[in-house]
Protein backbone atom coordinates (compact mmCIF):
# COMPACT_ATOMS: atom_id res chain seq x y z
CA UNK A 1 159.11 111.72 76.98
CA UNK A 2 155.69 111.03 75.49
CA UNK A 3 153.08 112.86 73.50
CA UNK A 4 150.31 114.42 75.57
CA UNK A 5 147.04 116.18 74.85
CA UNK A 6 147.96 118.79 77.47
CA UNK A 7 150.52 120.46 75.20
CA UNK A 8 148.24 121.25 72.21
CA UNK A 9 145.51 122.24 74.68
CA UNK A 10 147.93 124.67 76.33
CA UNK A 11 148.64 126.24 72.92
CA UNK A 12 144.90 126.62 72.35
CA UNK A 13 144.78 128.36 75.75
CA UNK A 14 147.52 130.76 74.60
CA UNK A 15 145.54 131.52 71.42
CA UNK A 16 142.40 132.19 73.48
CA UNK A 17 144.28 134.54 75.81
CA UNK A 18 145.87 136.47 72.94
CA UNK A 19 142.51 136.80 71.19
CA UNK A 20 140.67 137.93 74.33
CA UNK A 21 143.46 140.34 75.33
CA UNK A 22 143.87 142.12 71.98
CA UNK A 23 140.35 142.01 70.55
CA UNK A 24 139.21 143.80 68.34
CA UNK A 25 142.73 144.07 66.82
CA UNK A 26 142.23 147.52 65.27
CA UNK A 27 142.98 151.23 65.86
CA UNK A 28 146.57 150.45 66.87
CA UNK A 29 148.52 153.61 67.67
CA UNK A 30 151.27 154.95 69.87
CA UNK A 31 149.60 156.73 72.79
CA UNK A 32 152.82 158.17 74.15
CA UNK A 33 153.17 155.49 76.84
CA UNK A 34 155.96 152.99 77.23
CA UNK A 35 154.69 149.37 76.99
CA UNK A 36 155.90 148.71 80.55
CA UNK A 37 154.38 151.90 82.05
CA UNK A 38 151.46 149.93 83.50
CA UNK A 39 153.89 148.39 86.02
CA UNK A 40 154.24 151.76 87.77
CA UNK A 41 150.72 153.09 87.12
CA UNK A 42 148.43 153.90 90.10
CA UNK A 43 146.40 151.03 91.53
CA UNK A 44 142.82 150.88 90.09
CA UNK A 45 140.29 152.74 92.20
CA UNK A 46 137.37 150.53 91.24
CA UNK A 47 137.18 146.75 91.15
CA UNK A 48 134.61 144.65 89.34
CA UNK A 49 134.07 141.10 90.48
CA UNK A 50 133.95 139.91 86.88
CA UNK A 51 137.35 141.45 86.13
CA UNK A 52 138.95 139.74 89.12
CA UNK A 53 137.44 136.33 88.39
CA UNK A 54 138.09 136.49 84.64
CA UNK A 55 141.74 137.49 85.10
CA UNK A 56 142.36 134.66 87.56
CA UNK A 57 140.37 131.98 85.77
CA UNK A 58 141.63 133.06 82.35
CA UNK A 59 145.20 132.01 83.19
CA UNK A 60 144.50 129.09 85.57
CA UNK A 61 143.98 126.54 82.73
CA UNK A 62 147.20 127.72 81.09
CA UNK A 63 149.22 127.18 84.27
CA UNK A 64 147.58 123.79 84.76
CA UNK A 65 148.20 122.59 81.21
CA UNK A 66 151.78 123.89 81.02
CA UNK A 67 152.65 122.13 84.26
CA UNK A 68 150.92 118.95 83.17
CA UNK A 69 152.73 119.05 79.81
CA UNK A 70 156.10 119.46 81.52
CA UNK A 71 155.45 116.57 83.90
CA UNK A 72 154.22 114.33 81.09
CA UNK A 73 157.45 115.04 79.22
CA UNK A 74 159.53 113.91 82.18
CA UNK A 75 160.19 117.23 83.91
CA UNK A 76 159.66 116.89 87.67
CA UNK A 77 161.55 119.74 89.38
CA UNK A 78 160.48 123.40 89.54
CA UNK A 79 157.65 122.85 87.08
CA UNK A 80 155.32 125.13 89.05
CA UNK A 81 157.82 128.00 88.98
CA UNK A 82 158.67 127.59 85.30
CA UNK A 83 155.01 127.32 84.22
CA UNK A 84 154.04 130.35 86.30
CA UNK A 85 156.91 132.41 84.86
CA UNK A 86 155.95 131.40 81.31
CA UNK A 87 152.34 132.46 81.88
CA UNK A 88 153.52 135.68 83.57
CA UNK A 89 155.66 136.42 80.52
CA UNK A 90 152.63 136.02 78.28
CA UNK A 91 150.58 138.27 80.58
CA UNK A 92 153.14 141.07 80.69
CA UNK A 93 153.41 140.91 76.89
CA UNK A 94 149.64 141.19 76.48
CA UNK A 95 149.41 144.07 78.95
CA UNK A 96 152.23 145.87 77.15
CA UNK A 97 150.56 145.44 73.75
CA UNK A 98 147.29 146.76 75.17
CA UNK A 99 149.01 150.13 75.66
CA UNK A 100 148.76 150.51 71.86
CA UNK A 101 145.00 149.79 71.84
CA UNK A 102 142.83 152.74 72.95
CA UNK A 103 139.94 150.41 73.78
CA UNK A 104 142.00 148.39 76.28
CA UNK A 105 143.41 149.47 79.64
CA UNK A 106 146.55 147.65 80.82
CA UNK A 107 147.12 147.51 84.56
CA UNK A 108 149.42 145.99 87.14
CA UNK A 109 146.40 144.47 88.88
CA UNK A 110 145.50 142.46 85.76
CA UNK A 111 149.07 141.20 85.47
CA UNK A 112 149.20 140.12 89.12
CA UNK A 113 145.81 138.42 88.92
CA UNK A 114 146.86 136.61 85.74
CA UNK A 115 150.03 135.40 87.43
CA UNK A 116 148.06 134.31 90.49
CA UNK A 117 145.68 132.33 88.29
CA UNK A 118 148.55 130.62 86.47
CA UNK A 119 150.21 129.75 89.79
CA UNK A 120 146.97 128.28 91.16
CA UNK A 121 146.57 126.16 88.03
CA UNK A 122 150.18 124.98 88.22
CA UNK A 123 149.84 124.10 91.92
CA UNK A 124 146.65 122.16 91.18
CA UNK A 125 148.40 120.10 88.48
CA UNK A 126 151.37 119.37 90.75
CA UNK A 127 149.04 118.45 93.63
CA UNK A 128 147.10 116.02 91.45
CA UNK A 129 150.40 114.44 90.45
CA UNK A 130 151.51 114.07 94.08
CA UNK A 131 148.14 112.54 95.02
CA UNK A 132 148.48 109.97 92.24
CA UNK A 133 145.36 111.12 90.38
CA UNK A 134 147.25 111.89 87.19
CA UNK A 135 148.78 108.42 87.30
CA UNK A 136 145.30 106.96 87.48
CA UNK A 137 144.27 109.07 84.49
CA UNK A 138 147.30 107.71 82.61
CA UNK A 139 146.23 104.18 83.45
CA UNK A 140 142.68 104.92 82.33
CA UNK A 141 143.95 106.44 79.10
CA UNK A 142 146.18 103.43 78.40
CA UNK A 143 143.21 101.06 78.86
CA UNK A 144 140.83 103.09 76.72
CA UNK A 145 142.85 104.79 74.00
CA UNK A 146 145.56 103.88 71.52
CA UNK A 147 149.04 105.32 72.00
CA UNK A 148 148.87 108.31 69.61
CA UNK A 149 145.36 109.46 70.47
CA UNK A 150 146.31 112.91 71.76
CA UNK A 151 145.19 114.99 68.75
CA UNK A 152 141.89 113.13 68.46
CA UNK A 153 141.29 113.69 72.18
CA UNK A 154 141.96 117.41 71.74
CA UNK A 155 139.34 117.60 68.97
CA UNK A 156 136.86 115.58 71.03
CA UNK A 157 137.40 118.01 73.93
CA UNK A 158 136.80 120.98 71.61
CA UNK A 159 133.56 119.62 70.14
CA UNK A 160 131.21 120.57 73.04
CA UNK A 161 132.68 124.08 73.01
CA UNK A 162 132.14 124.32 69.24
CA UNK A 163 128.48 123.40 69.78
CA UNK A 164 127.98 126.65 71.70
CA UNK A 165 128.21 128.49 68.39
CA UNK A 166 124.66 128.85 66.98
CA UNK A 167 124.11 126.90 63.78
CA UNK A 168 121.27 126.89 61.26
CA UNK A 169 121.11 123.08 61.47
CA UNK A 170 121.67 121.39 64.87
CA UNK A 171 125.16 119.82 65.08
CA UNK A 172 125.84 121.37 61.66
CA UNK A 173 129.30 122.82 62.27
CA UNK A 174 131.40 124.16 59.39
CA UNK A 175 128.76 126.06 57.37
CA UNK A 176 131.09 128.82 56.25
CA UNK A 177 131.48 128.74 52.46
CA UNK A 178 128.75 131.30 51.76
CA UNK A 179 130.56 133.75 54.03
CA UNK A 180 133.91 132.92 52.44
CA UNK A 181 132.46 133.56 48.99
CA UNK A 182 131.01 136.93 50.07
CA UNK A 183 134.27 137.93 51.76
CA UNK A 184 136.35 137.06 48.70
CA UNK A 185 133.94 138.91 46.38
CA UNK A 186 134.16 142.04 48.55
CA UNK A 187 137.94 141.81 48.91
CA UNK A 188 138.64 141.50 45.18
CA UNK A 189 135.92 143.84 43.93
CA UNK A 190 137.24 146.43 41.44
CA UNK A 191 140.63 144.68 41.26
CA UNK A 192 142.30 142.73 38.42
CA UNK A 193 141.44 139.54 40.33
CA UNK A 194 137.69 140.21 40.38
CA UNK A 195 136.97 137.72 37.60
CA UNK A 196 139.02 135.03 39.28
CA UNK A 197 136.36 134.41 41.92
CA UNK A 198 134.12 131.50 40.87
CA UNK A 199 130.46 132.48 41.09
CA UNK A 200 127.61 130.08 41.71
CA UNK A 201 125.31 129.51 38.75
CA UNK A 202 122.37 128.85 41.08
CA UNK A 203 120.84 130.25 44.25
CA UNK A 204 121.29 128.29 47.45
CA UNK A 205 118.16 126.41 48.49
CA UNK A 206 117.08 125.71 52.09
CA UNK A 207 117.56 122.15 53.27
CA UNK A 208 114.60 119.81 52.92
CA UNK A 209 113.59 117.90 56.09
CA UNK A 210 115.27 114.75 54.78
CA UNK A 211 118.55 116.57 54.13
CA UNK A 212 118.33 118.21 57.57
CA UNK A 213 117.85 114.76 59.13
CA UNK A 214 120.95 113.49 57.31
CA UNK A 215 123.03 116.50 58.44
CA UNK A 216 122.03 115.98 62.07
CA UNK A 217 122.79 112.26 61.84
CA UNK A 218 126.23 112.95 60.39
CA UNK A 219 126.77 115.73 62.94
CA UNK A 220 126.53 113.11 65.70
CA UNK A 221 128.29 110.37 63.74
CA UNK A 222 131.40 112.48 63.00
CA UNK A 223 132.56 112.93 66.64
CA UNK A 224 131.42 109.36 67.29
CA UNK A 225 133.73 107.96 64.59
CA UNK A 226 136.48 110.33 65.72
CA UNK A 227 136.40 108.66 69.13
CA UNK A 228 136.07 105.17 67.66
CA UNK A 229 139.31 105.77 65.76
CA UNK A 230 141.26 105.87 69.04
CA UNK A 231 139.10 103.89 71.52
CA UNK A 232 140.13 100.26 71.90
CA UNK A 233 137.07 98.13 72.78
CA UNK A 234 133.41 97.96 71.75
CA UNK A 235 132.12 98.31 75.32
CA UNK A 236 134.19 101.45 75.83
CA UNK A 237 132.90 102.81 72.55
CA UNK A 238 129.32 102.26 73.70
CA UNK A 239 129.93 104.28 76.87
CA UNK A 240 131.58 107.02 74.79
CA UNK A 241 128.56 107.11 72.45
CA UNK A 242 126.23 107.59 75.44
CA UNK A 243 128.32 110.49 76.77
CA UNK A 244 128.49 112.00 73.28
CA UNK A 245 124.71 112.00 72.92
CA UNK A 246 124.38 113.79 76.25
CA UNK A 247 126.93 116.40 75.19
CA UNK A 248 125.12 116.94 71.88
CA UNK A 249 121.81 117.56 73.64
CA UNK A 250 123.30 119.69 76.42
CA UNK A 251 125.55 121.77 74.16
CA UNK A 252 122.81 122.49 71.62
CA UNK A 253 120.33 123.38 74.37
CA UNK A 254 122.84 125.74 76.02
CA UNK A 255 123.60 127.39 72.69
CA UNK A 256 119.89 127.94 72.03
CA UNK A 257 119.36 129.31 75.55
CA UNK A 258 122.26 131.76 75.14
CA UNK A 259 121.07 132.86 71.69
CA UNK A 260 117.29 132.99 72.04
CA UNK A 261 116.65 132.79 75.80
CA UNK A 262 116.11 129.91 78.25
CA UNK A 263 112.46 129.53 77.16
CA UNK A 264 113.66 128.43 73.71
CA UNK A 265 116.40 126.06 74.91
CA UNK A 266 114.71 123.03 73.30
CA UNK A 267 112.99 124.74 70.36
CA UNK A 268 115.59 123.26 67.98
CA UNK A 269 114.50 119.69 68.83
CA UNK A 270 112.10 119.24 65.89
CA UNK A 271 111.00 115.94 64.36
CA UNK A 272 113.78 115.81 61.70
CA UNK A 273 116.35 116.60 64.39
CA UNK A 274 115.08 113.89 66.74
CA UNK A 275 115.07 111.36 63.91
CA UNK A 276 118.57 112.46 62.91
CA UNK A 277 119.83 111.97 66.46
CA UNK A 278 118.19 108.54 66.56
CA UNK A 279 119.75 107.46 63.27
CA UNK A 280 123.09 108.87 64.45
CA UNK A 281 122.96 106.65 67.53
CA UNK A 282 122.04 103.63 65.37
CA UNK A 283 124.95 104.43 63.06
CA UNK A 284 127.28 104.58 66.04
CA UNK A 285 126.02 101.18 67.23
CA UNK A 286 126.69 99.71 63.77
CA UNK A 287 130.32 100.87 63.89
CA UNK A 288 131.01 99.56 67.42
CA UNK A 289 132.82 96.37 66.32
CA UNK A 290 134.61 97.86 63.30
CA UNK A 291 138.35 98.54 63.17
CA UNK A 292 139.93 101.94 63.74
CA UNK A 293 140.92 102.14 60.06
CA UNK A 294 137.28 101.64 59.03
CA UNK A 295 136.22 104.34 61.50
CA UNK A 296 138.73 106.82 60.07
CA UNK A 297 137.65 106.07 56.50
CA UNK A 298 133.93 106.52 57.21
CA UNK A 299 134.72 109.58 59.33
CA UNK A 300 136.32 111.27 56.32
CA UNK A 301 133.35 110.30 54.13
CA UNK A 302 130.85 111.57 56.73
CA UNK A 303 132.55 114.97 57.02
CA UNK A 304 132.66 115.40 53.24
CA UNK A 305 128.98 114.53 52.79
CA UNK A 306 127.83 116.73 55.69
CA UNK A 307 129.84 119.75 54.54
CA UNK A 308 128.61 119.33 50.99
CA UNK A 309 124.99 119.41 52.19
CA UNK A 310 125.43 122.23 54.71
CA UNK A 311 127.33 124.56 52.41
CA UNK A 312 124.77 124.22 49.63
CA UNK A 313 122.11 125.74 51.90
CA UNK A 314 121.83 129.46 52.78
CA UNK A 315 121.75 131.15 56.17
CA UNK A 316 118.41 132.78 56.97
CA UNK A 317 118.26 136.51 57.73
CA UNK A 318 117.08 135.78 61.29
CA UNK A 319 119.99 133.41 61.81
CA UNK A 320 122.44 136.02 60.46
CA UNK A 321 121.12 138.50 63.04
CA UNK A 322 121.77 135.92 65.77
CA UNK A 323 125.34 135.51 64.54
CA UNK A 324 125.91 139.26 64.81
CA UNK A 325 124.96 139.05 68.49
CA UNK A 326 127.48 136.26 68.99
CA UNK A 327 130.23 138.05 67.08
CA UNK A 328 129.85 141.09 69.32
CA UNK A 329 129.23 139.09 72.49
CA UNK A 330 131.44 138.72 75.55
CA UNK A 331 131.85 136.26 78.39
CA UNK A 332 131.23 132.68 77.23
CA UNK A 333 131.16 133.82 73.58
CA UNK A 334 134.70 135.21 73.92
CA UNK A 335 134.13 138.14 71.52
CA UNK A 336 132.99 135.77 68.77
CA UNK A 337 135.94 133.38 69.11
CA UNK A 338 133.65 130.38 69.48
CA UNK A 339 132.40 130.99 65.94
CA UNK A 340 135.87 130.19 64.57
CA UNK A 341 135.83 126.90 66.44
CA UNK A 342 132.37 126.17 65.07
CA UNK A 343 133.52 126.92 61.54
CA UNK A 344 136.90 125.17 61.55
CA UNK A 345 136.31 122.10 63.74
CA UNK A 346 135.02 119.80 60.93
CA UNK A 347 137.94 120.72 58.68
CA UNK A 348 140.46 119.97 61.44
CA UNK A 349 138.77 116.57 61.84
CA UNK A 350 138.99 116.03 58.08
CA UNK A 351 142.70 116.83 58.09
CA UNK A 352 143.34 114.48 61.03
CA UNK A 353 141.45 111.66 59.29
CA UNK A 354 143.52 112.15 56.14
CA UNK A 355 146.75 112.07 58.14
CA UNK A 356 145.69 108.92 59.99
CA UNK A 357 144.72 107.08 56.83
CA UNK A 358 147.94 108.15 55.11
CA UNK A 359 150.04 107.03 58.07
CA UNK A 360 148.30 103.65 58.23
CA UNK A 361 148.87 103.15 54.51
CA UNK A 362 152.58 103.88 54.95
CA UNK A 363 152.74 101.46 57.88
CA UNK A 364 151.18 98.73 55.77
CA UNK A 365 153.68 99.24 52.94
């Protein structure tokens, strides 16, 4: 048995499915239907292509990752059946819970399409194993990454998705404290705990161009150092840095196109942003020969500095309106789920860096 990135990724898939299936999580009530009544309900009269594709593709990654996790942990027999049954169990649970949500319509067709998607994903994983492609990936991973790199690889894989969330500063993930403060103030208003909430003694000021440049630089340097903490050689790190820069440009452009329209896909690429990206690349080149411990230490410092700068600047009214569109959006925005990834990703990286540095200190002593 060995640790694998497929297992935590499969759990993220489960969280995505639960969120998408039960959103918006309100108006729960008993509608006089048994949770399993959808299994005997009439077949839907109307089909939408989006519903078919989304139900199949929504569960295909789960089947793939569950099967891959099982095979990586040494399980070789009946993995396709077990993974498909596990995904089917999740699907039937979600469909049953939807019977308590007036805004959702459970159906046998959705359940069957979900199960089909999970089975296709499981068959794909098993086929890749039989063809030897997964073995080649294991060999590639052993050459490139240290043994316990799985959590860092999960966060690296999540970073391009987090970039889809619109931000007031390019690559500036984690700007959430102003919202947290407002939410806490509203929650404890007119309660005995109202005076417990610390209030700012000053108004938040917009970032100056120099501070914006620094935030963009750190926004590229953070995932760069995250990878450097688990990548073995300098040449491999250089290739990773090149891919990372492409993902930063592509993810930010896609986010802008989804938020403001394709015409404005590159409107965010201002002079401070371009300089920040350039300095971020130079910073990554400086850290190429450094040890993993140094990368983890500077990663923690970079996250702290970036979050301190970002969360001392306000969100503009126009940007807040854009966020409302994302929070209510569907499809790639996943009913606003991407915003949680955009908010929490830097803090997950911070926690991982702390754990790595603590573990290395214990190993040294």
